[in-house]
Amino acid sequence: MASVLLCHTGSSILSISEEVGYATLSSFNRHFKQWMGVPPSKWRTLKRQSERPIKP
């Protein structure tokens, strides 16, 4: 759920971490990186770049 929110909303990472049930941002960041291989901020950047249309 967090990965979807990171890609498709403008909510802060702190807000998303609270929405998915984490009490602290550091705990969310640590667990997200363990599961996804990159921190949430990097995930957001990578996914947004990959979803941009390619200009001719």
N, C-alpha and C. Protein backbone atom coordinates (compact mmCIF):
# COMPACT_ATOMS: atom_id res chain seq x y z
N MET A 1 0.83 -1.19 0.00
CA MET A 1 0.00 0.00 0.00
C MET A 1 0.88 1.25 0.00
N ALA A 2 1.94 1.24 0.79
CA ALA A 2 2.82 2.41 0.87
C ALA A 2 3.44 2.72 -0.48
N SER A 3 3.85 1.70 -1.21
CA SER A 3 4.48 1.95 -2.51
C SER A 3 3.50 2.60 -3.49
N VAL A 4 2.26 2.21 -3.44
CA VAL A 4 1.23 2.82 -4.30
C VAL A 4 1.02 4.29 -3.91
N LEU A 5 0.91 4.54 -2.62
CA LEU A 5 0.72 5.91 -2.16
C LEU A 5 1.90 6.80 -2.51
N LEU A 6 3.10 6.25 -2.42
CA LEU A 6 4.29 7.03 -2.78
C LEU A 6 4.28 7.43 -4.25
N CYS A 7 3.82 6.54 -5.10
CA CYS A 7 3.82 6.80 -6.54
C CYS A 7 2.67 7.68 -7.00
N HIS A 8 1.53 7.54 -6.37
CA HIS A 8 0.32 8.15 -6.92
C HIS A 8 -0.31 9.25 -6.08
N THR A 9 0.38 9.67 -5.03
CA THR A 9 -0.13 10.80 -4.26
C THR A 9 1.01 11.78 -4.00
N GLY A 10 0.66 12.96 -3.61
CA GLY A 10 1.66 13.95 -3.23
C GLY A 10 1.85 14.01 -1.72
N SER A 11 1.28 13.05 -1.02
CA SER A 11 1.40 13.02 0.44
C SER A 11 2.85 12.88 0.86
N SER A 12 3.17 13.46 2.00
CA SER A 12 4.53 13.33 2.51
C SER A 12 4.80 11.89 2.93
N ILE A 13 6.07 11.55 2.97
CA ILE A 13 6.44 10.20 3.40
C ILE A 13 6.01 9.98 4.85
N LEU A 14 6.11 11.01 5.67
CA LEU A 14 5.65 10.90 7.05
C LEU A 14 4.16 10.57 7.10
N SER A 15 3.36 11.28 6.32
CA SER A 15 1.91 11.01 6.30
C SER A 15 1.61 9.60 5.84
N ILE A 16 2.32 9.15 4.82
CA ILE A 16 2.11 7.80 4.30
C ILE A 16 2.50 6.77 5.35
N SER A 17 3.63 7.01 6.03
CA SER A 17 4.06 6.05 7.05
C SER A 17 3.01 5.92 8.15
N GLU A 18 2.42 7.04 8.55
CA GLU A 18 1.36 7.00 9.57
C GLU A 18 0.12 6.31 9.04
N GLU A 19 -0.22 6.58 7.79
CA GLU A 19 -1.43 5.99 7.19
C GLU A 19 -1.34 4.47 7.12
N VAL A 20 -0.14 3.95 6.89
CA VAL A 20 0.00 2.48 6.79
C VAL A 20 0.37 1.83 8.12
N GLY A 21 0.39 2.63 9.20
CA GLY A 21 0.47 2.05 10.52
C GLY A 21 1.78 2.14 11.27
N TYR A 22 2.72 2.93 10.81
CA TYR A 22 3.99 3.06 11.52
C TYR A 22 3.93 4.22 12.50
N ALA A 23 4.51 4.01 13.68
CA ALA A 23 4.53 5.04 14.71
C ALA A 23 5.65 6.05 14.47
N THR A 24 6.72 5.60 13.82
CA THR A 24 7.84 6.51 13.56
C THR A 24 8.27 6.43 12.10
N LEU A 25 8.77 7.54 11.61
CA LEU A 25 9.25 7.60 10.23
C LEU A 25 10.48 6.72 10.05
N SER A 26 11.36 6.70 11.04
CA SER A 26 12.58 5.91 10.90
C SER A 26 12.26 4.42 10.80
N SER A 27 11.28 3.95 11.53
CA SER A 27 10.88 2.55 11.45
C SER A 27 10.31 2.23 10.06
N PHE A 28 9.47 3.12 9.57
CA PHE A 28 8.91 2.94 8.22
C PHE A 28 10.02 2.90 7.17
N ASN A 29 10.93 3.88 7.24
CA ASN A 29 12.03 3.92 6.27
C ASN A 29 12.86 2.64 6.29
N ARG A 30 13.19 2.18 7.48
CA ARG A 30 14.00 0.97 7.63
C ARG A 30 13.28 -0.26 7.04
N HIS A 31 12.02 -0.43 7.38
CA HIS A 31 11.28 -1.59 6.88
C HIS A 31 11.02 -1.50 5.38
N PHE A 32 10.70 -0.31 4.90
CA PHE A 32 10.47 -0.15 3.47
C PHE A 32 11.72 -0.52 2.68
N LYS A 33 12.87 -0.06 3.14
CA LYS A 33 14.12 -0.38 2.44
C LYS A 33 14.42 -1.87 2.49
N GLN A 34 14.12 -2.52 3.60
CA GLN A 34 14.32 -3.98 3.68
C GLN A 34 13.46 -4.70 2.65
N TRP A 35 12.23 -4.29 2.50
CA TRP A 35 11.29 -4.98 1.60
C TRP A 35 11.48 -4.61 0.14
N MET A 36 11.75 -3.34 -0.12
CA MET A 36 11.78 -2.87 -1.51
C MET A 36 13.19 -2.67 -2.07
N GLY A 37 14.19 -2.67 -1.19
CA GLY A 37 15.57 -2.53 -1.65
C GLY A 37 16.08 -1.11 -1.75
N VAL A 38 15.19 -0.15 -1.64
CA VAL A 38 15.56 1.27 -1.68
C VAL A 38 14.69 2.02 -0.66
N PRO A 39 15.17 3.16 -0.17
CA PRO A 39 14.34 3.96 0.74
C PRO A 39 13.11 4.53 0.03
N PRO A 40 12.09 4.90 0.79
CA PRO A 40 10.86 5.42 0.19
C PRO A 40 11.08 6.62 -0.74
N SER A 41 11.95 7.53 -0.37
CA SER A 41 12.17 8.71 -1.22
C SER A 41 12.76 8.32 -2.57
N LYS A 42 13.68 7.38 -2.57
CA LYS A 42 14.28 6.90 -3.82
C LYS A 42 13.23 6.14 -4.64
N TRP A 43 12.42 5.34 -3.99
CA TRP A 43 11.34 4.59 -4.65
C TRP A 43 10.42 5.56 -5.39
N ARG A 44 10.02 6.62 -4.69
CA ARG A 44 9.12 7.62 -5.28
C ARG A 44 9.75 8.24 -6.52
N THR A 45 11.01 8.63 -6.41
CA THR A 45 11.71 9.25 -7.53
C THR A 45 11.82 8.30 -8.71
N LEU A 46 12.24 7.08 -8.46
CA LEU A 46 12.40 6.10 -9.54
C LEU A 46 11.09 5.78 -10.24
N LYS A 47 10.04 5.60 -9.47
CA LYS A 47 8.74 5.24 -10.06
C LYS A 47 8.15 6.40 -10.84
N ARG A 48 8.30 7.59 -10.35
CA ARG A 48 7.76 8.75 -11.07
C ARG A 48 8.52 8.97 -12.37
N GLN A 49 9.82 8.74 -12.36
CA GLN A 49 10.61 8.88 -13.59
C GLN A 49 10.21 7.82 -14.61
N SER A 50 9.94 6.61 -14.14
CA SER A 50 9.61 5.54 -15.07
C SER A 50 8.21 5.68 -15.65
N GLU A 51 7.36 6.47 -15.00
CA GLU A 51 5.99 6.66 -15.49
C GLU A 51 5.84 7.86 -16.39
N ARG A 52 6.87 8.66 -16.54
CA ARG A 52 6.80 9.83 -17.43
C ARG A 52 6.78 9.38 -18.87
N PRO A 53 5.92 10.01 -19.65
CA PRO A 53 5.89 9.66 -21.07
C PRO A 53 7.19 10.08 -21.76
N ILE A 54 7.60 9.31 -22.70
CA ILE A 54 8.81 9.62 -23.48
C ILE A 54 8.43 10.57 -24.59
N LYS A 55 9.16 11.70 -24.66
CA LYS A 55 8.87 12.69 -25.69
C LYS A 55 9.65 12.33 -26.95
N PRO A 56 8.99 12.45 -28.11
CA PRO A 56 9.68 12.12 -29.38
C PRO A 56 10.74 13.13 -29.74
